[in-house]
N, C-alpha and C. Protein backbone atom coordinates (compact mmCIF):
# COMPACT_ATOMS: atom_id res chain seq x y z
N MET A 1 -165.69 -74.55 -52.68
CA MET A 1 -166.52 -75.81 -52.65
C MET A 1 -165.81 -76.82 -52.62
N ALA A 2 -165.97 -78.14 -51.99
CA ALA A 2 -165.31 -79.09 -51.69
C ALA A 2 -165.48 -79.75 -53.34
N GLU A 3 -164.65 -80.57 -53.23
CA GLU A 3 -164.46 -81.29 -54.58
C GLU A 3 -165.75 -82.67 -54.43
N LEU A 4 -166.47 -82.87 -55.60
CA LEU A 4 -167.61 -83.79 -55.64
C LEU A 4 -167.02 -84.72 -56.91
N THR A 5 -167.64 -85.82 -56.36
CA THR A 5 -167.65 -87.00 -57.16
C THR A 5 -168.86 -86.86 -58.78
N ARG A 6 -168.54 -87.66 -59.50
CA ARG A 6 -169.46 -87.17 -60.78
C ARG A 6 -170.85 -87.40 -60.44
N GLU A 7 -171.22 -88.34 -59.38
CA GLU A 7 -172.67 -88.66 -59.07
C GLU A 7 -173.19 -87.64 -58.09
N GLU A 8 -172.05 -87.10 -57.36
CA GLU A 8 -172.72 -86.00 -56.52
C GLU A 8 -172.97 -84.68 -56.87
N ALA A 9 -172.09 -84.07 -58.11
CA ALA A 9 -172.14 -83.04 -59.13
C ALA A 9 -173.67 -82.97 -59.80
N ARG A 10 -173.97 -84.33 -60.35
CA ARG A 10 -175.03 -84.77 -61.02
C ARG A 10 -176.18 -84.68 -60.08
N GLU A 11 -176.14 -85.26 -58.74
CA GLU A 11 -177.38 -84.98 -57.85
C GLU A 11 -177.87 -83.45 -57.45
N MET A 12 -176.38 -82.83 -57.40
CA MET A 12 -176.77 -81.48 -57.18
C MET A 12 -177.42 -80.60 -58.39
N ILE A 13 -176.74 -80.58 -59.53
CA ILE A 13 -177.54 -80.02 -60.89
C ILE A 13 -178.82 -80.71 -60.92
N GLU A 14 -179.22 -81.89 -60.82
CA GLU A 14 -180.36 -81.83 -60.76
C GLU A 14 -181.32 -81.39 -59.77
N LYS A 15 -181.08 -81.11 -58.62
CA LYS A 15 -181.59 -80.23 -57.44
C LYS A 15 -181.72 -78.77 -57.79
N LEU A 16 -180.80 -78.11 -58.56
CA LEU A 16 -181.10 -76.80 -59.02
C LEU A 16 -182.03 -76.41 -60.04
N ALA A 17 -181.80 -77.45 -60.63
CA ALA A 17 -182.89 -77.61 -62.16
C ALA A 17 -184.29 -77.65 -61.86
N TYR A 18 -184.58 -77.28 -61.01
CA TYR A 18 -186.12 -77.43 -60.57
C TYR A 18 -187.07 -77.00 -61.60
N PHE A 19 -186.43 -76.23 -62.33
CA PHE A 19 -187.55 -75.54 -63.56
C PHE A 19 -187.34 -76.72 -64.93
N GLY A 20 -186.61 -77.76 -64.64
CA GLY A 20 -186.51 -78.63 -65.68
C GLY A 20 -184.84 -78.63 -66.58
N ILE A 21 -184.80 -80.18 -66.90
CA ILE A 21 -183.21 -79.92 -67.68
C ILE A 21 -183.60 -81.22 -68.58
N SER A 22 -183.23 -81.24 -69.24
CA SER A 22 -183.51 -82.74 -70.47
C SER A 22 -181.95 -83.33 -69.68
N GLU A 23 -182.42 -84.78 -69.89
CA GLU A 23 -181.20 -85.48 -69.57
C GLU A 23 -180.11 -85.43 -70.26
N GLU A 24 -180.19 -85.21 -71.37
CA GLU A 24 -178.97 -84.70 -72.33
C GLU A 24 -178.18 -83.64 -71.84
N ASN A 25 -179.12 -82.58 -71.45
CA ASN A 25 -178.42 -81.30 -70.98
C ASN A 25 -177.65 -81.75 -69.60
N LEU A 26 -178.47 -82.18 -68.60
CA LEU A 26 -177.94 -82.40 -67.62
C LEU A 26 -176.38 -83.16 -67.44
N GLU A 27 -176.71 -84.24 -68.34
CA GLU A 27 -175.18 -84.83 -68.72
C GLU A 27 -174.20 -84.08 -69.09
N LYS A 28 -174.44 -82.62 -69.91
CA LYS A 28 -173.56 -81.97 -70.13
C LYS A 28 -173.05 -80.54 -69.34
N ALA A 29 -174.18 -80.38 -68.46
CA ALA A 29 -173.80 -79.57 -67.26
C ALA A 29 -172.96 -80.52 -66.39
N VAL A 30 -173.05 -81.70 -65.95
CA VAL A 30 -172.50 -82.42 -65.17
C VAL A 30 -170.89 -82.40 -65.71
N ALA A 31 -170.62 -82.52 -67.27
CA ALA A 31 -169.34 -82.68 -67.76
C ALA A 31 -168.77 -81.51 -67.69
N GLN A 32 -169.31 -80.29 -67.71
CA GLN A 32 -168.49 -79.15 -67.90
C GLN A 32 -168.63 -78.92 -66.45
N TYR A 33 -169.23 -79.03 -65.42
CA TYR A 33 -168.75 -78.81 -64.14
C TYR A 33 -167.45 -79.76 -63.54
N MET A 34 -167.37 -80.97 -63.74
CA MET A 34 -166.48 -81.94 -63.60
C MET A 34 -164.95 -81.35 -64.33
N TYR A 35 -165.34 -80.70 -65.57
CA TYR A 35 -164.13 -80.18 -66.15
C TYR A 35 -163.45 -78.80 -65.76
N CYS A 36 -164.40 -78.07 -65.28
CA CYS A 36 -164.00 -76.97 -64.07
C CYS A 36 -163.21 -77.65 -62.98
N GLN A 37 -164.22 -78.34 -62.32
CA GLN A 37 -163.60 -78.66 -61.22
C GLN A 37 -162.26 -79.50 -61.08
N LYS A 38 -161.94 -80.22 -62.15
CA LYS A 38 -160.75 -81.16 -62.17
C LYS A 38 -159.60 -79.91 -62.57
N ARG A 39 -159.99 -78.95 -63.13
CA ARG A 39 -158.74 -77.92 -63.66
C ARG A 39 -158.64 -76.70 -62.43
N GLY A 40 -159.60 -76.92 -61.91
CA GLY A 40 -159.70 -75.93 -60.31
C GLY A 40 -159.78 -74.44 -60.98
N ILE A 41 -160.67 -74.24 -61.89
CA ILE A 41 -160.90 -73.14 -62.82
C ILE A 41 -162.67 -72.78 -62.50
N GLU A 42 -162.87 -71.55 -62.33
CA GLU A 42 -164.32 -71.24 -62.19
C GLU A 42 -165.09 -71.64 -63.81
N GLN A 43 -166.38 -71.83 -62.93
CA GLN A 43 -167.50 -72.29 -64.04
C GLN A 43 -168.36 -71.12 -64.57
N PHE A 44 -168.22 -70.39 -65.62
CA PHE A 44 -168.69 -69.28 -66.27
C PHE A 44 -170.19 -69.55 -66.28
N VAL A 45 -170.46 -70.62 -67.06
CA VAL A 45 -171.74 -70.55 -67.28
C VAL A 45 -172.91 -71.21 -65.75
N GLY A 46 -173.93 -70.83 -65.93
CA GLY A 46 -174.52 -71.19 -64.57
C GLY A 46 -174.52 -72.47 -64.50
N VAL A 47 -174.82 -73.42 -63.51
CA VAL A 47 -174.46 -74.57 -63.33
C VAL A 47 -175.77 -75.32 -64.12
N VAL A 48 -176.86 -74.94 -64.38
CA VAL A 48 -177.60 -75.60 -64.85
C VAL A 48 -177.97 -75.30 -66.68
N GLY A 49 -176.93 -74.11 -66.86
CA GLY A 49 -176.85 -74.06 -68.40
C GLY A 49 -177.83 -72.77 -68.78
N TYR A 50 -178.38 -72.01 -68.16
CA TYR A 50 -179.16 -71.16 -68.65
C TYR A 50 -178.46 -69.81 -68.75
N CYS A 51 -178.60 -69.15 -69.92
CA CYS A 51 -178.04 -67.72 -70.23
C CYS A 51 -178.60 -66.76 -69.44
N TRP A 52 -177.56 -65.76 -68.60
CA TRP A 52 -178.29 -64.86 -67.98
C TRP A 52 -179.15 -63.63 -68.54
N HIS A 53 -178.46 -63.77 -69.63
CA HIS A 53 -179.23 -62.45 -70.51
C HIS A 53 -180.57 -62.91 -71.39
N CYS A 54 -180.51 -64.22 -71.74
CA CYS A 54 -181.55 -64.73 -73.07
C CYS A 54 -182.31 -65.81 -72.49
N ASP A 55 -181.81 -66.24 -71.40
CA ASP A 55 -182.67 -67.26 -70.67
C ASP A 55 -182.70 -68.59 -71.34
N LYS A 56 -181.87 -68.78 -72.30
CA LYS A 56 -181.99 -69.76 -73.40
C LYS A 56 -180.92 -71.09 -72.72
N GLN A 57 -181.04 -72.16 -73.06
CA GLN A 57 -180.36 -73.43 -72.40
C GLN A 57 -179.07 -73.51 -73.57
N VAL A 58 -178.11 -73.11 -72.79
CA VAL A 58 -176.72 -73.00 -73.49
C VAL A 58 -176.16 -74.54 -73.93
N TYR A 59 -176.37 -75.41 -73.41
CA TYR A 59 -175.82 -76.58 -73.53
C TYR A 59 -176.79 -77.16 -74.92
N GLU A 60 -177.92 -76.60 -75.17
CA GLU A 60 -178.23 -77.28 -76.59
C GLU A 60 -177.42 -77.18 -77.91
N GLU A 61 -176.47 -76.21 -77.87
CA GLU A 61 -175.52 -76.17 -78.86
C GLU A 61 -174.59 -77.00 -78.83
N TRP A 62 -174.21 -77.27 -77.81
CA TRP A 62 -172.93 -78.05 -77.46
C TRP A 62 -173.04 -79.86 -77.61
N ASP A 63 -172.01 -80.32 -77.78
CA ASP A 63 -172.18 -81.90 -77.64
C ASP A 63 -171.44 -82.27 -76.42
N LEU A 64 -171.66 -83.26 -75.91
CA LEU A 64 -171.04 -83.76 -74.71
C LEU A 64 -169.70 -83.89 -74.53
N GLU A 65 -169.35 -84.28 -75.63
CA GLU A 65 -167.50 -84.19 -75.46
C GLU A 65 -166.92 -82.75 -75.84
N SER A 66 -167.62 -82.02 -76.33
CA SER A 66 -167.13 -80.43 -76.24
C SER A 66 -167.18 -79.84 -74.68
N ALA A 67 -168.39 -80.25 -74.17
CA ALA A 67 -168.85 -80.00 -72.64
C ALA A 67 -167.65 -80.44 -71.69
N ALA A 68 -167.21 -81.12 -71.98
CA ALA A 68 -166.46 -81.95 -70.87
C ALA A 68 -164.95 -81.89 -71.89
N SER A 69 -164.67 -81.17 -72.42
CA SER A 69 -163.12 -80.99 -72.85
C SER A 69 -162.74 -79.15 -73.00
N THR A 70 -163.80 -78.39 -72.99
CA THR A 70 -163.83 -76.83 -73.33
C THR A 70 -164.50 -76.32 -72.24
N LEU A 71 -163.64 -74.82 -71.75
CA LEU A 71 -164.44 -74.14 -71.00
C LEU A 71 -165.72 -73.22 -71.75
N VAL A 72 -167.07 -73.21 -71.42
CA VAL A 72 -167.90 -72.50 -71.73
C VAL A 72 -168.02 -71.18 -71.34
N THR A 73 -167.93 -70.10 -72.28
CA THR A 73 -167.62 -68.87 -71.74
C THR A 73 -168.56 -67.97 -72.36
N GLY A 74 -169.66 -68.68 -72.99
CA GLY A 74 -170.50 -67.35 -73.41
C GLY A 74 -171.65 -68.06 -74.48
N CYS A 75 -172.65 -67.32 -74.55
CA CYS A 75 -173.94 -67.99 -74.95
C CYS A 75 -173.85 -67.88 -76.53
N PRO A 76 -173.94 -69.32 -77.18
CA PRO A 76 -173.97 -69.40 -78.57
C PRO A 76 -175.35 -68.75 -79.16
N TYR A 77 -176.15 -68.18 -78.51
CA TYR A 77 -177.30 -67.55 -79.05
C TYR A 77 -177.49 -65.96 -79.22
N CYS A 78 -177.27 -65.38 -77.97
CA CYS A 78 -177.28 -63.77 -77.81
C CYS A 78 -175.60 -63.18 -77.95
N HIS A 79 -174.87 -64.39 -77.96
CA HIS A 79 -173.61 -63.95 -78.12
C HIS A 79 -172.94 -63.38 -76.64
N ARG A 80 -173.53 -63.34 -75.60
CA ARG A 80 -173.06 -62.54 -74.17
C ARG A 80 -172.00 -63.22 -73.80
N SER A 81 -171.18 -62.94 -73.36
CA SER A 81 -169.91 -63.35 -72.61
C SER A 81 -170.22 -63.62 -71.00
N PHE A 82 -169.95 -64.67 -70.59
CA PHE A 82 -170.20 -64.94 -69.29
C PHE A 82 -169.10 -64.42 -68.24
N ILE A 83 -168.04 -63.81 -68.99
CA ILE A 83 -166.74 -63.73 -67.87
C ILE A 83 -166.79 -62.00 -67.86
N GLY A 84 -166.87 -62.09 -66.37
CA GLY A 84 -166.56 -60.56 -66.31
C GLY A 84 -167.62 -60.01 -65.33
């Protein structure tokens, strides 16, 4: 995927989040996306931040600073790994 600006990433995530995402979690999703893009690493949590197993919003348990500086690799609710 081509590199996106922060605004382009935000627009993309908003469009993907047709089922709703809070403004706060949207900012965390964008921060995580930009963190991964900047480092050229895979983003393990889904772009809008819902766990594939329990369907809870992963970013609810993260603060913005952590989402912008730490790779999210698992669900804080059901403890499933997103790796593999």
